Amino acid sequence: MKKRVFGRKLSRDRGSRKALFISLIKALVLHGEIITTYAKAKAIKSQIERLVGMTRKEGISARRRVYASLANDRKTTDSLFGIAPQFTGRNSGFTRIIKLPERRGDRSSIVRLEWSQKIKIQTKKEGKEKKEAEKPIKKGLKGKVLERAKNLRKRSMPK
């Protein structure tokens, strides 16, 4: 008898289920919304709420915990820490589930899981562009071939 068993299996073993949840959370953080089944959305909603709650603390330990729970994905962690300050007026309810028409093939209930308010994803590295330095030409046969190819490209360019 399964009484008071917490969580959802979703017909997967533990590792597959964990990977599924992490990939769904990453997709939501990076894209702002995901379209998935109702069971999967309901299963990850509490994890997302917990992660956003952790990111609001802005400490190094919170950042490391979020980083570890997102399978060491720095891009997603940074995006999540950029999203969290926009929820300063809320204590919970960071996501919402909107029902969509059922899937035609198997009539499973499809939903859109999105942030409860409009967010603007902030990144630290906006506006910084790296200038590519010209590499020195190597000596020897390979260097001569590269130099000749470079000169031919310059001549063939229209003015």
C-alpha atoms as a PDB file:
ATOM      1  CA  MET A   1       0.000   0.000   0.000  1.00  0.00           C
ATOM      2  CA  LYS A   2       1.381   3.362  -1.017  1.00  0.00           C
ATOM      3  CA  LYS A   3       0.258   5.823   1.610  1.00  0.00           C
ATOM      4  CA  ARG A   4       1.536   9.369   1.728  1.00  0.00           C
ATOM      5  CA  VAL A   5       4.238   8.762  -0.849  1.00  0.00           C
ATOM      6  CA  PHE A   6       5.653  12.104  -1.924  1.00  0.00           C
ATOM      7  CA  GLY A   7       6.656  12.811  -5.505  1.00  0.00           C
ATOM      8  CA  ARG A   8       5.830  11.568  -8.954  1.00  0.00           C
ATOM      9  CA  LYS A   9       7.513   8.712 -10.806  1.00  0.00           C
ATOM     10  CA  LEU A  10       6.468   9.592 -14.387  1.00  0.00           C
ATOM     11  CA  SER A  11       7.322   6.023 -15.488  1.00  0.00           C
ATOM     12  CA  ARG A  12      11.057   6.600 -15.024  1.00  0.00           C
ATOM     13  CA  ASP A  13      13.771   5.420 -12.706  1.00  0.00           C
ATOM     14  CA  ARG A  14      15.415   7.854 -10.302  1.00  0.00           C
ATOM     15  CA  GLY A  15      18.266   8.982 -12.559  1.00  0.00           C
ATOM     16  CA  SER A  16      16.087   9.501 -15.624  1.00  0.00           C
ATOM     17  CA  ARG A  17      13.510  11.395 -13.593  1.00  0.00           C
ATOM     18  CA  LYS A  18      16.171  13.660 -12.102  1.00  0.00           C
ATOM     19  CA  ALA A  19      17.646  14.371 -15.556  1.00  0.00           C
ATOM     20  CA  LEU A  20      14.175  15.134 -16.919  1.00  0.00           C
ATOM     21  CA  PHE A  21      13.425  17.582 -14.114  1.00  0.00           C
ATOM     22  CA  ILE A  22      16.781  19.351 -14.525  1.00  0.00           C
ATOM     23  CA  SER A  23      16.329  19.700 -18.289  1.00  0.00           C
ATOM     24  CA  LEU A  24      12.794  21.075 -17.867  1.00  0.00           C
ATOM     25  CA  ILE A  25      13.986  23.593 -15.271  1.00  0.00           C
ATOM     26  CA  LYS A  26      16.874  24.681 -17.521  1.00  0.00           C
ATOM     27  CA  ALA A  27      14.488  25.159 -20.447  1.00  0.00           C
ATOM     28  CA  LEU A  28      12.139  27.277 -18.338  1.00  0.00           C
ATOM     29  CA  VAL A  29      14.943  29.468 -17.011  1.00  0.00           C
ATOM     30  CA  LEU A  30      16.548  30.007 -20.419  1.00  0.00           C
ATOM     31  CA  HIS A  31      13.393  30.424 -22.530  1.00  0.00           C
ATOM     32  CA  GLY A  32      10.892  31.848 -20.047  1.00  0.00           C
ATOM     33  CA  GLU A  33       8.206  29.263 -20.800  1.00  0.00           C
ATOM     34  CA  ILE A  34       7.907  25.601 -21.701  1.00  0.00           C
ATOM     35  CA  ILE A  35       5.126  23.485 -23.150  1.00  0.00           C
ATOM     36  CA  THR A  36       4.910  20.086 -21.492  1.00  0.00           C
ATOM     37  CA  THR A  37       2.407  17.687 -19.956  1.00  0.00           C
ATOM     38  CA  TYR A  38       0.437  18.627 -16.870  1.00  0.00           C
ATOM     39  CA  ALA A  39       2.055  15.886 -14.764  1.00  0.00           C
ATOM     40  CA  LYS A  40       5.601  17.031 -15.577  1.00  0.00           C
ATOM     41  CA  ALA A  41       4.766  20.702 -14.992  1.00  0.00           C
ATOM     42  CA  LYS A  42       3.165  19.915 -11.655  1.00  0.00           C
ATOM     43  CA  ALA A  43       6.165  17.793 -10.663  1.00  0.00           C
ATOM     44  CA  ILE A  44       8.784  20.503 -11.301  1.00  0.00           C
ATOM     45  CA  LYS A  45       6.792  23.508 -10.119  1.00  0.00           C
ATOM     46  CA  SER A  46       7.778  23.041  -6.471  1.00  0.00           C
ATOM     47  CA  GLN A  47      11.454  22.606  -7.395  1.00  0.00           C
ATOM     48  CA  ILE A  48      11.413  25.848  -9.384  1.00  0.00           C
ATOM     49  CA  GLU A  49       9.779  27.678  -6.477  1.00  0.00           C
ATOM     50  CA  ARG A  50      12.472  26.361  -4.146  1.00  0.00           C
ATOM     51  CA  LEU A  51      15.302  27.376  -6.511  1.00  0.00           C
ATOM     52  CA  VAL A  52      13.960  30.916  -6.971  1.00  0.00           C
ATOM     53  CA  GLY A  53      13.595  31.198  -3.205  1.00  0.00           C
ATOM     54  CA  MET A  54      17.234  30.174  -2.801  1.00  0.00           C
ATOM     55  CA  THR A  55      18.453  32.670  -5.402  1.00  0.00           C
ATOM     56  CA  ARG A  56      16.797  35.571  -3.606  1.00  0.00           C
ATOM     57  CA  LYS A  57      19.302  35.183  -0.744  1.00  0.00           C
ATOM     58  CA  GLU A  58      22.231  36.230  -3.020  1.00  0.00           C
ATOM     59  CA  GLY A  59      24.930  34.476  -0.991  1.00  0.00           C
ATOM     60  CA  ILE A  60      27.794  32.366  -2.228  1.00  0.00           C
ATOM     61  CA  SER A  61      26.359  29.307  -0.488  1.00  0.00           C
ATOM     62  CA  ALA A  62      22.994  29.858  -2.193  1.00  0.00           C
ATOM     63  CA  ARG A  63      24.730  30.188  -5.558  1.00  0.00           C
ATOM     64  CA  ARG A  64      26.638  26.944  -4.982  1.00  0.00           C
ATOM     65  CA  ARG A  65      23.497  25.065  -3.932  1.00  0.00           C
ATOM     66  CA  VAL A  66      21.600  26.239  -7.017  1.00  0.00           C
ATOM     67  CA  TYR A  67      24.616  25.429  -9.193  1.00  0.00           C
ATOM     68  CA  ALA A  68      24.770  21.895  -7.775  1.00  0.00           C
ATOM     69  CA  SER A  69      21.045  21.262  -8.143  1.00  0.00           C
ATOM     70  CA  LEU A  70      21.152  22.395 -11.799  1.00  0.00           C
ATOM     71  CA  ALA A  71      23.868  19.843 -12.651  1.00  0.00           C
ATOM     72  CA  ASN A  72      26.702  22.409 -12.642  1.00  0.00           C
ATOM     73  CA  ASP A  73      25.262  24.522 -15.460  1.00  0.00           C
ATOM     74  CA  ARG A  74      26.720  28.007 -15.052  1.00  0.00           C
ATOM     75  CA  LYS A  75      24.655  29.656 -17.802  1.00  0.00           C
ATOM     76  CA  THR A  76      21.359  28.559 -16.257  1.00  0.00           C
ATOM     77  CA  THR A  77      22.506  29.486 -12.748  1.00  0.00           C
ATOM     78  CA  ASP A  78      23.507  32.989 -13.848  1.00  0.00           C
ATOM     79  CA  SER A  79      20.202  33.423 -15.683  1.00  0.00           C
ATOM     80  CA  LEU A  80      18.279  32.310 -12.603  1.00  0.00           C
ATOM     81  CA  PHE A  81      20.160  34.798 -10.430  1.00  0.00           C
ATOM     82  CA  GLY A  82      19.270  37.472 -13.008  1.00  0.00           C
ATOM     83  CA  ILE A  83      15.580  36.539 -12.874  1.00  0.00           C
ATOM     84  CA  ALA A  84      15.223  36.326  -9.075  1.00  0.00           C
ATOM     85  CA  PRO A  85      15.537  40.078  -8.266  1.00  0.00           C
ATOM     86  CA  GLN A  86      12.453  40.733 -10.394  1.00  0.00           C
ATOM     87  CA  PHE A  87      10.336  38.794  -7.887  1.00  0.00           C
ATOM     88  CA  THR A  88      11.137  41.042  -4.909  1.00  0.00           C
ATOM     89  CA  GLY A  89       7.478  41.684  -4.072  1.00  0.00           C
ATOM     90  CA  ARG A  90       6.588  37.980  -3.921  1.00  0.00           C
ATOM     91  CA  ASN A  91       7.235  35.239  -1.438  1.00  0.00           C
ATOM     92  CA  SER A  92       5.914  32.426  -3.623  1.00  0.00           C
ATOM     93  CA  GLY A  93       3.923  31.825  -6.778  1.00  0.00           C
ATOM     94  CA  PHE A  94       6.758  32.534  -9.192  1.00  0.00           C
ATOM     95  CA  THR A  95       5.347  30.264 -11.921  1.00  0.00           C
ATOM     96  CA  ARG A  96       1.915  29.565 -13.353  1.00  0.00           C
ATOM     97  CA  ILE A  97       0.430  26.710 -15.330  1.00  0.00           C
ATOM     98  CA  ILE A  98      -1.844  27.554 -18.275  1.00  0.00           C
ATOM     99  CA  LYS A  99      -3.828  24.679 -19.780  1.00  0.00           C
ATOM    100  CA  LEU A 100      -3.673  24.177 -23.551  1.00  0.00           C
ATOM    101  CA  PRO A 101      -5.714  21.857 -25.825  1.00  0.00           C
ATOM    102  CA  GLU A 102      -5.047  18.151 -25.358  1.00  0.00           C
ATOM    103  CA  ARG A 103      -2.425  16.446 -27.478  1.00  0.00           C
ATOM    104  CA  ARG A 104      -4.026  14.883 -30.514  1.00  0.00           C
ATOM    105  CA  GLY A 105      -2.120  11.593 -30.504  1.00  0.00           C
ATOM    106  CA  ASP A 106      -2.832  10.402 -26.960  1.00  0.00           C
ATOM    107  CA  ARG A 107      -5.145  13.083 -25.499  1.00  0.00           C
ATOM    108  CA  SER A 108      -2.704  13.891 -22.720  1.00  0.00           C
ATOM    109  CA  SER A 109      -3.248  17.257 -21.087  1.00  0.00           C
ATOM    110  CA  ILE A 110      -0.717  19.803 -22.325  1.00  0.00           C
ATOM    111  CA  VAL A 111       0.146  22.967 -20.410  1.00  0.00           C
ATOM    112  CA  ARG A 112       2.409  25.978 -20.696  1.00  0.00           C
ATOM    113  CA  LEU A 113       4.550  26.548 -17.621  1.00  0.00           C
ATOM    114  CA  GLU A 114       5.739  30.157 -17.459  1.00  0.00           C
ATOM    115  CA  TRP A 115       6.823  32.836 -15.021  1.00  0.00           C
ATOM    116  CA  SER A 116       3.904  34.501 -13.246  1.00  0.00           C
ATOM    117  CA  GLN A 117       5.039  37.972 -14.292  1.00  0.00           C
ATOM    118  CA  LYS A 118       6.848  39.288 -17.338  1.00  0.00           C
ATOM    119  CA  ILE A 119      10.587  39.025 -16.843  1.00  0.00           C
ATOM    120  CA  LYS A 120      13.552  40.536 -18.585  1.00  0.00           C
ATOM    121  CA  ILE A 121      16.565  38.247 -18.577  1.00  0.00           C
ATOM    122  CA  GLN A 122      19.649  40.171 -17.467  1.00  0.00           C
ATOM    123  CA  THR A 123      23.145  39.109 -18.371  1.00  0.00           C
ATOM    124  CA  LYS A 124      26.393  40.520 -17.033  1.00  0.00           C
ATOM    125  CA  LYS A 125      28.342  40.361 -20.278  1.00  0.00           C
ATOM    126  CA  GLU A 126      26.152  42.598 -22.474  1.00  0.00           C
ATOM    127  CA  GLY A 127      28.002  45.104 -24.596  1.00  0.00           C
ATOM    128  CA  LYS A 128      31.453  43.619 -24.167  1.00  0.00           C
ATOM    129  CA  GLU A 129      32.952  42.370 -27.390  1.00  0.00           C
ATOM    130  CA  LYS A 130      36.359  40.817 -27.726  1.00  0.00           C
ATOM    131  CA  LYS A 131      38.535  42.062 -30.526  1.00  0.00           C
ATOM    132  CA  GLU A 132      40.286  39.303 -32.367  1.00  0.00           C
ATOM    133  CA  ALA A 133      44.001  39.945 -32.585  1.00  0.00           C
ATOM    134  CA  GLU A 134      45.724  39.017 -35.790  1.00  0.00           C
ATOM    135  CA  LYS A 135      47.773  35.876 -35.332  1.00  0.00           C
ATOM    136  CA  PRO A 136      51.453  35.994 -36.275  1.00  0.00           C
ATOM    137  CA  ILE A 137      52.324  34.046 -39.397  1.00  0.00           C
ATOM    138  CA  LYS A 138      54.261  30.866 -38.711  1.00  0.00           C
ATOM    139  CA  LYS A 139      57.679  30.288 -40.210  1.00  0.00           C
ATOM    140  CA  GLY A 140      58.371  27.444 -42.568  1.00  0.00           C
ATOM    141  CA  LEU A 141      56.391  25.958 -45.444  1.00  0.00           C
ATOM    142  CA  LYS A 142      53.031  26.213 -43.693  1.00  0.00           C
ATOM    143  CA  GLY A 143      53.645  29.894 -42.926  1.00  0.00           C
ATOM    144  CA  LYS A 144      54.485  30.641 -46.552  1.00  0.00           C
ATOM    145  CA  VAL A 145      51.313  28.914 -47.747  1.00  0.00           C
ATOM    146  CA  LEU A 146      49.175  30.817 -45.247  1.00  0.00           C
ATOM    147  CA  GLU A 147      50.782  34.133 -46.193  1.00  0.00           C
ATOM    148  CA  ARG A 148      50.222  33.502 -49.912  1.00  0.00           C
ATOM    149  CA  ALA A 149      46.556  32.581 -49.281  1.00  0.00           C
ATOM    150  CA  LYS A 150      46.093  35.762 -47.264  1.00  0.00           C
ATOM    151  CA  ASN A 151      47.584  37.885 -50.064  1.00  0.00           C
ATOM    152  CA  LEU A 152      45.359  36.186 -52.656  1.00  0.00           C
ATOM    153  CA  ARG A 153      42.273  36.925 -50.544  1.00  0.00           C
ATOM    154  CA  LYS A 154      43.249  40.587 -50.313  1.00  0.00           C
ATOM    155  CA  ARG A 155      43.684  40.847 -54.096  1.00  0.00           C
ATOM    156  CA  SER A 156      40.422  39.063 -54.903  1.00  0.00           C
ATOM    157  CA  MET A 157      38.314  41.315 -52.639  1.00  0.00           C
ATOM    158  CA  PRO A 158      36.354  43.934 -54.635  1.00  0.00           C
ATOM    159  CA  LYS A 159      37.113  47.542 -53.756  1.00  0.00           C
END
